[in-house]
Each structure stands twice: as C-alpha cells, then as structure tokens.
Amino acid sequence: MIDMLIENFKRFIKLNDDQKLVLLKSLGYDVNSNGFIIDSKTGNKILCKYTEKPVLFKDASILPGSTVIVNTSLITLSEYIFDYLEPEED
C-alpha cells in the first residue's frame, strides 16, 4: 500500500506561482484581488471538491490528469488519490 502511495505522489509536479497562474488561466480560471481562484467567465469563486470551501491561490493544488482544483492538505490529496489514482479492485 505504501509503495502505491509513493508511486502516486510521484505524479505530482511542483509549480512556482507564475507557472501555476499560467496553468490556471489556460484552464479558464483567474485569481481575484482577495487571492481566491475564480471562474474567469463568471467571477465565481472555485470551491474545493473535498472541503467545499473557496480555494485560495496560495493553498491551491491543480491535480494531475484532471481540472480538479483543491485546497492542498493531506486529507484532500488522500481523497484525490482514492478517487482518481488508486487502481480498482478486480
């Protein structure tokens, strides 16, 4: 199990803030004056899929293989791995 988690975390890439902003903008998002990620068309704050709270740019992770944006924490990353990266049991 630990080996699988380590392998899954190897898929994550660390981006600096400039790179993260470019990626967000290419996905149709922006950052408002309060530092929250917003939908660039509607101006609505993006909510974390797991915490259901608005996502601050400084705390955001853009998860690989998706356009899921979450508040970065061990809980949200664990839930993401469970939902998207763990192989299904036969």
C-alpha atoms as a PDB file:
ATOM      1  CA  MET A   1       0.000   0.000   0.000  1.00  0.00           C
ATOM      2  CA  ILE A   2       2.775   2.464   0.906  1.00  0.00           C
ATOM      3  CA  ASP A   3       4.573   1.717  -2.372  1.00  0.00           C
ATOM      4  CA  MET A   4       1.392   2.541  -4.303  1.00  0.00           C
ATOM      5  CA  LEU A   5       1.003   5.868  -2.441  1.00  0.00           C
ATOM      6  CA  ILE A   6       4.620   6.811  -3.106  1.00  0.00           C
ATOM      7  CA  GLU A   7       4.194   5.958  -6.790  1.00  0.00           C
ATOM      8  CA  ASN A   8       1.002   8.046  -6.979  1.00  0.00           C
ATOM      9  CA  PHE A   9       2.659  11.065  -5.353  1.00  0.00           C
ATOM     10  CA  LYS A  10       5.480  10.885  -7.946  1.00  0.00           C
ATOM     11  CA  ARG A  11       2.880  12.050 -10.483  1.00  0.00           C
ATOM     12  CA  PHE A  12       2.643  15.432  -8.746  1.00  0.00           C
ATOM     13  CA  ILE A  13       4.743  18.269 -10.137  1.00  0.00           C
ATOM     14  CA  LYS A  14       5.688  21.312  -8.095  1.00  0.00           C
ATOM     15  CA  LEU A  15       4.897  24.563  -9.897  1.00  0.00           C
ATOM     16  CA  ASN A  16       6.058  28.019  -8.898  1.00  0.00           C
ATOM     17  CA  ASP A  17       3.369  30.715  -8.586  1.00  0.00           C
ATOM     18  CA  ASP A  18       3.931  32.083 -12.101  1.00  0.00           C
ATOM     19  CA  GLN A  19       3.604  28.617 -13.636  1.00  0.00           C
ATOM     20  CA  LYS A  20       0.530  27.847 -11.536  1.00  0.00           C
ATOM     21  CA  LEU A  21      -1.134  31.096 -12.663  1.00  0.00           C
ATOM     22  CA  VAL A  22      -0.422  30.355 -16.346  1.00  0.00           C
ATOM     23  CA  LEU A  23      -1.907  26.872 -15.959  1.00  0.00           C
ATOM     24  CA  LEU A  24      -4.989  28.199 -14.143  1.00  0.00           C
ATOM     25  CA  LYS A  25      -5.578  30.845 -16.817  1.00  0.00           C
ATOM     26  CA  SER A  26      -5.252  28.233 -19.570  1.00  0.00           C
ATOM     27  CA  LEU A  27      -7.969  26.221 -17.791  1.00  0.00           C
ATOM     28  CA  GLY A  28     -10.333  29.219 -17.655  1.00  0.00           C
ATOM     29  CA  TYR A  29      -9.611  30.416 -14.134  1.00  0.00           C
ATOM     30  CA  ASP A  30      -8.126  33.554 -12.625  1.00  0.00           C
ATOM     31  CA  VAL A  31      -7.283  34.958  -9.197  1.00  0.00           C
ATOM     32  CA  ASN A  32      -9.322  37.778  -7.660  1.00  0.00           C
ATOM     33  CA  SER A  33      -7.981  40.681  -5.604  1.00  0.00           C
ATOM     34  CA  ASN A  34      -8.508  38.701  -2.382  1.00  0.00           C
ATOM     35  CA  GLY A  35      -6.353  35.808  -3.646  1.00  0.00           C
ATOM     36  CA  PHE A  36      -9.172  33.343  -4.378  1.00  0.00           C
ATOM     37  CA  ILE A  37      -9.309  31.296  -7.573  1.00  0.00           C
ATOM     38  CA  ILE A  38     -12.321  32.276  -9.659  1.00  0.00           C
ATOM     39  CA  ASP A  39     -14.006  31.201 -12.862  1.00  0.00           C
ATOM     40  CA  SER A  40     -12.793  33.829 -15.334  1.00  0.00           C
ATOM     41  CA  LYS A  41     -16.163  33.922 -17.159  1.00  0.00           C
ATOM     42  CA  THR A  42     -18.491  34.228 -14.158  1.00  0.00           C
ATOM     43  CA  GLY A  43     -16.189  35.599 -11.463  1.00  0.00           C
ATOM     44  CA  ASN A  44     -17.483  32.941  -9.057  1.00  0.00           C
ATOM     45  CA  LYS A  45     -15.053  31.520  -6.509  1.00  0.00           C
ATOM     46  CA  ILE A  46     -13.954  27.960  -7.173  1.00  0.00           C
ATOM     47  CA  LEU A  47     -14.867  25.578  -4.366  1.00  0.00           C
ATOM     48  CA  CYS A  48     -12.642  22.678  -3.340  1.00  0.00           C
ATOM     49  CA  LYS A  49     -14.272  19.394  -4.312  1.00  0.00           C
ATOM     50  CA  TYR A  50     -13.430  17.912  -0.922  1.00  0.00           C
ATOM     51  CA  THR A  51     -13.642  20.749   1.602  1.00  0.00           C
ATOM     52  CA  GLU A  52     -16.372  22.661  -0.271  1.00  0.00           C
ATOM     53  CA  LYS A  53     -14.584  25.904   0.697  1.00  0.00           C
ATOM     54  CA  PRO A  54     -13.267  28.582  -1.680  1.00  0.00           C
ATOM     55  CA  VAL A  55      -9.730  27.876  -2.871  1.00  0.00           C
ATOM     56  CA  LEU A  56      -7.001  30.418  -2.176  1.00  0.00           C
ATOM     57  CA  PHE A  57      -4.305  30.631  -4.841  1.00  0.00           C
ATOM     58  CA  LYS A  58      -1.541  30.229  -2.254  1.00  0.00           C
ATOM     59  CA  ASP A  59      -3.120  26.972  -0.982  1.00  0.00           C
ATOM     60  CA  ALA A  60      -4.247  25.543  -4.324  1.00  0.00           C
ATOM     61  CA  SER A  61      -3.255  22.323  -5.992  1.00  0.00           C
ATOM     62  CA  ILE A  62      -4.243  21.554  -9.565  1.00  0.00           C
ATOM     63  CA  LEU A  63      -4.449  17.810  -9.594  1.00  0.00           C
ATOM     64  CA  PRO A  64      -2.843  15.755 -12.376  1.00  0.00           C
ATOM     65  CA  GLY A  65      -4.982  14.196 -15.056  1.00  0.00           C
ATOM     66  CA  SER A  66      -7.898  16.477 -14.254  1.00  0.00           C
ATOM     67  CA  THR A  67      -9.017  20.037 -13.852  1.00  0.00           C
ATOM     68  CA  VAL A  68      -9.768  19.434 -10.175  1.00  0.00           C
ATOM     69  CA  ILE A  69      -8.539  22.319  -8.026  1.00  0.00           C
ATOM     70  CA  VAL A  70      -8.392  21.732  -4.283  1.00  0.00           C
ATOM     71  CA  ASN A  71      -7.228  23.304  -1.054  1.00  0.00           C
ATOM     72  CA  THR A  72      -3.961  21.454  -0.503  1.00  0.00           C
ATOM     73  CA  SER A  73      -3.928  19.282   2.593  1.00  0.00           C
ATOM     74  CA  LEU A  74      -3.121  15.678   3.392  1.00  0.00           C
ATOM     75  CA  ILE A  75      -6.846  14.947   3.534  1.00  0.00           C
ATOM     76  CA  THR A  76      -7.702  16.420   0.132  1.00  0.00           C
ATOM     77  CA  LEU A  77      -4.702  14.797  -1.545  1.00  0.00           C
ATOM     78  CA  SER A  78      -5.544  11.438   0.048  1.00  0.00           C
ATOM     79  CA  GLU A  79      -9.145  11.692  -1.112  1.00  0.00           C
ATOM     80  CA  TYR A  80      -7.971  12.589  -4.618  1.00  0.00           C
ATOM     81  CA  ILE A  81      -5.679   9.554  -4.714  1.00  0.00           C
ATOM     82  CA  PHE A  82      -8.511   7.354  -3.513  1.00  0.00           C
ATOM     83  CA  ASP A  83     -10.925   8.796  -6.114  1.00  0.00           C
ATOM     84  CA  TYR A  84      -8.644   9.047  -9.147  1.00  0.00           C
ATOM     85  CA  LEU A  85      -5.364   7.192  -8.774  1.00  0.00           C
ATOM     86  CA  GLU A  86      -5.929   4.014  -6.816  1.00  0.00           C
ATOM     87  CA  PRO A  87      -6.403   1.030  -9.116  1.00  0.00           C
ATOM     88  CA  GLU A  88      -9.822  -0.549  -8.981  1.00  0.00           C
ATOM     89  CA  GLU A  89     -10.022  -3.940  -7.308  1.00  0.00           C
ATOM     90  CA  ASP A  90     -10.905  -6.882  -9.576  1.00  0.00           C
END
